[in-house]
Amino acid sequence: FARVAAGDYAIAAFHDANQNHDLDRNWLGLPAEDWALSGGARPTVAPPTFDEVSFRHSGEITRLRAKLE
């Protein structure tokens, strides 16, 4: 991303394996495709809070690494 203002951000990503532009879910409502959240959060019962997944971007270069699972 270019020219992103400094601030606190959170990122969610997923691999759209079947290219339907949606994160598919199983019958329990859990993701059926690989996904990741910034901060490495892996929610169990409820979605994580913004504080759990957010990171500080200085306005320069911020590098993140995520493992889709």
N, C-alpha and C. Protein backbone atom coordinates (compact mmCIF):
# COMPACT_ATOMS: atom_id res chain seq x y z
N PHE A 1 0.84 -1.17 0.00
CA PHE A 1 0.00 0.00 0.00
C PHE A 1 0.89 1.24 0.00
N ALA A 2 0.51 2.22 -0.74
CA ALA A 2 1.30 3.45 -0.81
C ALA A 2 0.55 4.59 -0.12
N ARG A 3 1.33 5.47 0.50
CA ARG A 3 0.79 6.69 1.12
C ARG A 3 -0.29 6.41 2.16
N VAL A 4 0.01 5.54 3.09
CA VAL A 4 -0.92 5.25 4.17
C VAL A 4 -0.53 6.12 5.36
N ALA A 5 -1.49 6.86 5.87
CA ALA A 5 -1.23 7.77 7.00
C ALA A 5 -0.82 6.99 8.24
N ALA A 6 -0.02 7.62 9.07
CA ALA A 6 0.38 7.02 10.34
C ALA A 6 -0.87 6.76 11.18
N GLY A 7 -0.84 5.69 11.95
CA GLY A 7 -1.97 5.38 12.82
C GLY A 7 -1.98 3.92 13.21
N ASP A 8 -3.03 3.52 13.89
CA ASP A 8 -3.21 2.13 14.32
C ASP A 8 -4.10 1.43 13.30
N TYR A 9 -3.66 0.25 12.88
CA TYR A 9 -4.37 -0.51 11.86
C TYR A 9 -4.46 -1.97 12.27
N ALA A 10 -5.38 -2.70 11.63
CA ALA A 10 -5.49 -4.15 11.76
C ALA A 10 -5.76 -4.69 10.36
N ILE A 11 -5.24 -5.86 10.09
CA ILE A 11 -5.40 -6.46 8.77
C ILE A 11 -5.94 -7.87 8.90
N ALA A 12 -6.88 -8.20 8.05
CA ALA A 12 -7.38 -9.57 7.91
C ALA A 12 -7.16 -9.97 6.46
N ALA A 13 -6.73 -11.22 6.26
CA ALA A 13 -6.50 -11.71 4.91
C ALA A 13 -7.00 -13.14 4.80
N PHE A 14 -7.41 -13.52 3.62
CA PHE A 14 -7.78 -14.92 3.40
C PHE A 14 -7.46 -15.33 1.97
N HIS A 15 -7.27 -16.63 1.78
CA HIS A 15 -7.01 -17.19 0.46
C HIS A 15 -8.34 -17.65 -0.13
N ASP A 16 -8.78 -16.97 -1.15
CA ASP A 16 -10.04 -17.28 -1.82
C ASP A 16 -9.80 -18.43 -2.79
N ALA A 17 -9.69 -19.64 -2.25
CA ALA A 17 -9.29 -20.81 -3.03
C ALA A 17 -10.22 -21.08 -4.22
N ASN A 18 -11.51 -20.84 -4.07
CA ASN A 18 -12.44 -21.10 -5.17
C ASN A 18 -12.82 -19.83 -5.94
N GLN A 19 -12.18 -18.74 -5.64
CA GLN A 19 -12.33 -17.46 -6.35
C GLN A 19 -13.78 -16.97 -6.44
N ASN A 20 -14.52 -17.12 -5.32
CA ASN A 20 -15.90 -16.61 -5.31
C ASN A 20 -16.01 -15.27 -4.59
N HIS A 21 -14.85 -14.66 -4.25
CA HIS A 21 -14.78 -13.34 -3.61
C HIS A 21 -15.42 -13.31 -2.23
N ASP A 22 -15.39 -14.44 -1.53
CA ASP A 22 -15.98 -14.53 -0.21
C ASP A 22 -15.18 -15.51 0.63
N LEU A 23 -15.13 -15.31 1.93
CA LEU A 23 -14.52 -16.26 2.83
C LEU A 23 -15.56 -17.33 3.13
N ASP A 24 -15.39 -18.49 2.55
CA ASP A 24 -16.35 -19.58 2.75
C ASP A 24 -16.26 -20.11 4.18
N ARG A 25 -17.38 -20.55 4.69
CA ARG A 25 -17.45 -21.07 6.05
C ARG A 25 -18.11 -22.45 6.04
N ASN A 26 -17.77 -23.25 7.05
CA ASN A 26 -18.39 -24.58 7.16
C ASN A 26 -19.74 -24.46 7.86
N TRP A 27 -20.37 -25.57 8.13
CA TRP A 27 -21.71 -25.55 8.73
C TRP A 27 -21.72 -25.01 10.14
N LEU A 28 -20.55 -24.95 10.80
CA LEU A 28 -20.47 -24.35 12.13
C LEU A 28 -20.21 -22.85 12.08
N GLY A 29 -19.97 -22.33 10.88
CA GLY A 29 -19.68 -20.91 10.73
C GLY A 29 -18.20 -20.59 10.81
N LEU A 30 -17.36 -21.61 10.90
CA LEU A 30 -15.91 -21.41 10.96
C LEU A 30 -15.35 -21.29 9.55
N PRO A 31 -14.28 -20.54 9.37
CA PRO A 31 -13.70 -20.38 8.03
C PRO A 31 -13.30 -21.72 7.42
N ALA A 32 -13.68 -21.93 6.17
CA ALA A 32 -13.33 -23.15 5.44
C ALA A 32 -12.16 -22.91 4.49
N GLU A 33 -11.67 -21.68 4.44
CA GLU A 33 -10.50 -21.34 3.63
C GLU A 33 -9.44 -20.77 4.55
N ASP A 34 -8.18 -20.83 4.12
CA ASP A 34 -7.09 -20.33 4.94
C ASP A 34 -7.23 -18.83 5.17
N TRP A 35 -6.88 -18.38 6.39
CA TRP A 35 -7.02 -16.97 6.75
C TRP A 35 -5.98 -16.60 7.80
N ALA A 36 -5.78 -15.30 7.99
CA ALA A 36 -4.85 -14.79 8.99
C ALA A 36 -5.28 -13.40 9.44
N LEU A 37 -4.89 -13.05 10.65
CA LEU A 37 -5.13 -11.71 11.20
C LEU A 37 -3.79 -11.12 11.61
N SER A 38 -3.68 -9.80 11.52
CA SER A 38 -2.45 -9.16 12.00
C SER A 38 -2.30 -9.46 13.49
N GLY A 39 -1.07 -9.50 13.93
CA GLY A 39 -0.79 -9.82 15.33
C GLY A 39 -0.79 -11.31 15.60
N GLY A 40 -1.10 -12.12 14.59
CA GLY A 40 -1.09 -13.56 14.77
C GLY A 40 -2.24 -14.10 15.59
N ALA A 41 -3.24 -13.29 15.84
CA ALA A 41 -4.38 -13.72 16.66
C ALA A 41 -5.12 -14.88 16.00
N ARG A 42 -5.50 -15.86 16.80
CA ARG A 42 -6.31 -16.99 16.34
C ARG A 42 -7.49 -17.11 17.31
N PRO A 43 -8.60 -16.46 16.99
CA PRO A 43 -9.74 -16.48 17.92
C PRO A 43 -10.26 -17.89 18.15
N THR A 44 -10.80 -18.12 19.35
CA THR A 44 -11.35 -19.43 19.67
C THR A 44 -12.88 -19.37 19.74
N VAL A 45 -13.41 -18.56 20.62
CA VAL A 45 -14.86 -18.49 20.78
C VAL A 45 -15.45 -17.22 20.16
N ALA A 46 -14.75 -16.12 20.29
CA ALA A 46 -15.25 -14.84 19.79
C ALA A 46 -14.17 -14.16 18.96
N PRO A 47 -14.56 -13.25 18.08
CA PRO A 47 -13.56 -12.51 17.32
C PRO A 47 -12.65 -11.72 18.25
N PRO A 48 -11.38 -11.55 17.87
CA PRO A 48 -10.47 -10.78 18.72
C PRO A 48 -10.85 -9.31 18.72
N THR A 49 -10.40 -8.60 19.72
CA THR A 49 -10.63 -7.16 19.78
C THR A 49 -9.63 -6.46 18.86
N PHE A 50 -9.92 -5.21 18.55
CA PHE A 50 -9.01 -4.42 17.73
C PHE A 50 -7.64 -4.33 18.39
N ASP A 51 -7.62 -4.16 19.70
CA ASP A 51 -6.35 -4.07 20.43
C ASP A 51 -5.51 -5.34 20.28
N GLU A 52 -6.15 -6.50 20.16
CA GLU A 52 -5.43 -7.76 20.03
C GLU A 52 -4.79 -7.93 18.65
N VAL A 53 -5.32 -7.29 17.64
CA VAL A 53 -4.81 -7.50 16.28
C VAL A 53 -4.20 -6.25 15.66
N SER A 54 -4.28 -5.12 16.34
CA SER A 54 -3.80 -3.88 15.74
C SER A 54 -2.29 -3.72 15.85
N PHE A 55 -1.75 -2.88 15.01
CA PHE A 55 -0.34 -2.54 15.01
C PHE A 55 -0.22 -1.07 14.70
N ARG A 56 0.90 -0.50 15.07
CA ARG A 56 1.15 0.94 14.85
C ARG A 56 1.94 1.11 13.56
N HIS A 57 1.42 1.92 12.66
CA HIS A 57 2.12 2.26 11.41
C HIS A 57 2.63 3.68 11.55
N SER A 58 3.94 3.87 11.32
CA SER A 58 4.58 5.17 11.54
C SER A 58 4.39 6.14 10.39
N GLY A 59 3.86 5.67 9.26
CA GLY A 59 3.74 6.51 8.09
C GLY A 59 4.84 6.23 7.09
N GLU A 60 5.86 5.50 7.52
CA GLU A 60 6.96 5.10 6.63
C GLU A 60 6.67 3.68 6.14
N ILE A 61 7.59 2.78 6.34
CA ILE A 61 7.41 1.39 5.89
C ILE A 61 7.13 0.51 7.11
N THR A 62 6.07 -0.27 7.02
CA THR A 62 5.74 -1.24 8.05
C THR A 62 5.67 -2.60 7.37
N ARG A 63 6.41 -3.55 7.88
CA ARG A 63 6.40 -4.90 7.31
C ARG A 63 5.68 -5.83 8.27
N LEU A 64 4.78 -6.61 7.71
CA LEU A 64 4.05 -7.61 8.49
C LEU A 64 4.24 -8.97 7.85
N ARG A 65 4.19 -9.99 8.66
CA ARG A 65 4.27 -11.34 8.14
C ARG A 65 3.05 -12.08 8.69
N ALA A 66 2.38 -12.80 7.82
CA ALA A 66 1.20 -13.54 8.24
C ALA A 66 1.26 -14.96 7.66
N LYS A 67 0.81 -15.92 8.42
CA LYS A 67 0.75 -17.29 7.95
C LYS A 67 -0.73 -17.66 7.81
N LEU A 68 -1.14 -17.89 6.58
CA LEU A 68 -2.52 -18.30 6.32
C LEU A 68 -2.70 -19.74 6.78
N GLU A 69 -3.70 -19.96 7.62
CA GLU A 69 -3.99 -21.31 8.13
C GLU A 69 -5.46 -21.58 8.02
